[in-house]
Amino acid sequence: MKKPFILCCITLLAIAPVCFSQGKPAKAGKSTANESTISDLEKSAWEAYKNKQADAFKALMSKDYYGVYAEGIKTLDAELADMAKSDLRDYSFTDVKVVFPHPKVAVLTYKAKIQATSEGKDMSGTYNSGSVWVQQGGKWVGAFHTESKTQ
């Protein structure tokens, strides 16, 4: 009884490092390579919104896009309609973090400091923001965005 148990333990100890080391480098390499890609896409979406480039913004988003805000939940069409009523004058990002819970899903979190008005109302301030980007047909597209104004 002792001999099979010892053999099993030795085999497990020999195989475990191989199993654990296989997943880590590939995941870290893939994530590192795409972090800047995802943050660049997010900035491109903000830039398109700022410049009221509806077609460019729409091209960056999934047709199933949703945004969640204090005023409600918006589809892509509602987001585009609000773009026409908004004036985003300036923005900057800090504390940007990107994680990949799945190779085709990226979750981006950051603080966005903005100077903007919407329908004449001042919306300027700092917002805790989050976006989800998914890979569809080999292309990364925005599927979800949310933001909450800091106190």
Protein backbone atom coordinates (compact mmCIF):
# COMPACT_ATOMS: atom_id res chain seq x y z
CA MET A 1 0.00 0.00 0.00
CA LYS A 2 2.88 2.36 0.79
CA LYS A 3 4.67 1.84 -2.52
CA PRO A 4 1.72 2.88 -4.81
CA PHE A 5 1.00 5.88 -2.60
CA ILE A 6 4.62 7.07 -2.70
CA LEU A 7 4.74 6.55 -6.47
CA CYS A 8 1.55 8.57 -6.87
CA CYS A 9 2.94 11.43 -4.77
CA ILE A 10 6.22 11.51 -6.68
CA THR A 11 4.36 11.54 -10.01
CA LEU A 12 2.10 14.35 -8.83
CA LEU A 13 5.07 16.41 -7.65
CA ALA A 14 6.88 15.85 -10.93
CA ILE A 15 3.89 16.80 -13.12
CA ALA A 16 2.50 19.75 -11.13
CA PRO A 17 5.21 22.33 -12.06
CA VAL A 18 4.83 21.44 -15.75
CA CYS A 19 1.05 21.93 -15.60
CA PHE A 20 1.26 25.26 -13.79
CA SER A 21 4.02 26.68 -15.94
CA GLN A 22 2.25 25.95 -19.23
CA GLY A 23 -0.65 28.34 -18.67
CA LYS A 24 1.15 31.31 -17.14
CA PRO A 25 3.53 32.53 -19.88
CA ALA A 26 0.97 32.29 -22.68
CA LYS A 27 -1.67 34.15 -20.67
CA ALA A 28 0.71 36.84 -19.46
CA GLY A 29 2.16 37.36 -22.93
CA LYS A 30 -1.27 37.60 -24.55
CA SER A 31 -2.60 40.01 -21.91
CA THR A 32 0.45 42.25 -22.03
CA ALA A 33 0.29 42.44 -25.82
CA ASN A 34 -3.39 43.43 -25.78
CA GLU A 35 -3.54 45.83 -22.81
CA SER A 36 -2.37 48.75 -24.92
CA THR A 37 -4.61 47.65 -27.78
CA ILE A 38 -7.68 47.76 -25.53
CA SER A 39 -6.81 51.09 -23.90
CA ASP A 40 -6.11 52.57 -27.37
CA LEU A 41 -9.51 51.37 -28.58
CA GLU A 42 -11.19 52.97 -25.55
CA LYS A 43 -9.43 56.26 -26.28
CA SER A 44 -10.49 56.00 -29.94
CA ALA A 45 -14.11 55.61 -28.84
CA TRP A 46 -13.85 58.69 -26.60
CA GLU A 47 -12.17 60.64 -29.39
CA ALA A 48 -14.90 59.69 -31.88
CA TYR A 49 -17.55 60.71 -29.32
CA LYS A 50 -15.77 64.01 -28.65
CA ASN A 51 -15.56 64.79 -32.37
CA LYS A 52 -19.16 63.64 -32.99
CA GLN A 53 -17.97 61.01 -35.48
CA ALA A 54 -20.98 58.71 -35.24
CA ASP A 55 -19.80 56.29 -37.93
CA ALA A 56 -16.36 55.91 -36.34
CA PHE A 57 -17.91 55.40 -32.90
CA LYS A 58 -20.40 52.87 -34.25
CA ALA A 59 -17.61 50.94 -36.02
CA LEU A 60 -15.84 50.49 -32.67
CA MET A 61 -18.91 49.11 -30.90
CA SER A 62 -20.77 45.82 -30.98
CA LYS A 63 -24.26 46.01 -32.45
CA ASP A 64 -25.34 44.58 -29.06
CA TYR A 65 -23.65 47.41 -27.10
CA TYR A 66 -25.19 48.67 -23.86
CA GLY A 67 -24.21 51.56 -21.61
CA VAL A 68 -25.33 51.91 -18.00
CA TYR A 69 -25.51 55.38 -16.47
CA ALA A 70 -27.33 57.16 -13.64
CA GLU A 71 -29.93 58.38 -16.13
CA GLY A 72 -30.59 54.90 -17.51
CA ILE A 73 -29.54 52.07 -19.77
CA LYS A 74 -28.64 52.99 -23.36
CA THR A 75 -28.41 50.99 -26.56
CA LEU A 76 -25.92 51.92 -29.25
CA ASP A 77 -28.60 53.99 -31.03
CA ALA A 78 -29.39 55.91 -27.82
CA GLU A 79 -25.68 56.51 -27.24
CA LEU A 80 -25.34 57.92 -30.76
CA ALA A 81 -28.39 60.16 -30.25
CA ASP A 82 -26.87 61.52 -27.01
CA MET A 83 -23.60 62.20 -28.84
CA ALA A 84 -25.39 64.83 -30.94
CA LYS A 85 -26.68 66.56 -27.75
CA SER A 86 -23.33 66.50 -25.93
CA ASP A 87 -20.23 68.65 -26.00
CA LEU A 88 -17.20 66.75 -24.72
CA ARG A 89 -14.49 69.42 -24.64
CA ASP A 90 -11.69 67.54 -22.90
CA TYR A 91 -10.96 64.25 -21.12
CA SER A 92 -8.10 62.35 -19.55
CA PHE A 93 -7.67 58.87 -18.09
CA THR A 94 -5.85 57.76 -14.95
CA ASP A 95 -5.52 54.45 -13.08
CA VAL A 96 -6.12 52.45 -16.27
CA LYS A 97 -6.27 48.70 -15.72
CA VAL A 98 -7.04 45.96 -18.25
CA VAL A 99 -7.73 42.33 -17.39
CA PHE A 100 -8.56 39.41 -19.64
CA PRO A 101 -10.93 37.00 -17.88
CA HIS A 102 -11.09 35.10 -21.19
CA PRO A 103 -8.82 35.43 -24.25
CA LYS A 104 -11.64 37.12 -26.19
CA VAL A 105 -12.90 39.37 -23.36
CA ALA A 106 -11.18 42.43 -21.92
CA VAL A 107 -12.39 44.42 -18.92
CA LEU A 108 -11.04 47.96 -18.67
CA THR A 109 -11.39 50.17 -15.58
CA TYR A 110 -10.17 53.73 -15.14
CA LYS A 111 -10.92 57.21 -13.85
CA ALA A 112 -12.02 59.68 -16.51
CA LYS A 113 -11.73 63.39 -15.83
CA ILE A 114 -13.97 65.23 -18.26
CA GLN A 115 -15.12 68.71 -19.20
CA ALA A 116 -18.47 68.36 -20.90
CA THR A 117 -22.07 69.49 -21.20
CA SER A 118 -25.10 67.45 -22.16
CA GLU A 119 -28.25 69.24 -23.29
CA GLY A 120 -26.78 72.41 -21.78
CA LYS A 121 -26.15 70.81 -18.35
CA ASP A 122 -22.59 70.75 -17.02
CA MET A 123 -21.39 67.16 -16.68
CA SER A 124 -17.76 67.98 -15.85
CA GLY A 125 -16.01 66.01 -13.15
CA THR A 126 -14.23 62.77 -12.41
CA TYR A 127 -15.95 59.48 -13.21
CA ASN A 128 -15.16 55.91 -12.25
CA SER A 129 -15.51 54.14 -15.58
CA GLY A 130 -15.55 50.61 -16.88
CA SER A 131 -15.81 49.02 -20.30
CA VAL A 132 -15.99 45.51 -21.65
CA TRP A 133 -14.43 44.77 -25.03
CA VAL A 134 -15.01 41.47 -26.82
CA GLN A 135 -13.35 39.91 -29.81
CA GLN A 136 -15.88 39.19 -32.57
CA GLY A 137 -14.73 37.93 -35.94
CA GLY A 138 -11.11 38.69 -35.07
CA LYS A 139 -11.93 42.34 -34.22
CA TRP A 140 -12.19 43.92 -30.76
CA VAL A 141 -15.47 45.80 -30.23
CA GLY A 142 -16.97 47.61 -27.26
CA ALA A 143 -19.87 45.68 -25.75
CA PHE A 144 -20.50 47.54 -22.49
CA HIS A 145 -19.64 50.81 -20.78
CA THR A 146 -20.57 52.33 -17.45
CA GLU A 147 -19.49 55.33 -15.44
CA SER A 148 -20.34 56.87 -12.12
CA LYS A 149 -19.44 60.39 -11.05
CA THR A 150 -17.21 60.50 -7.98
CA GLN A 151 -18.40 62.42 -4.94
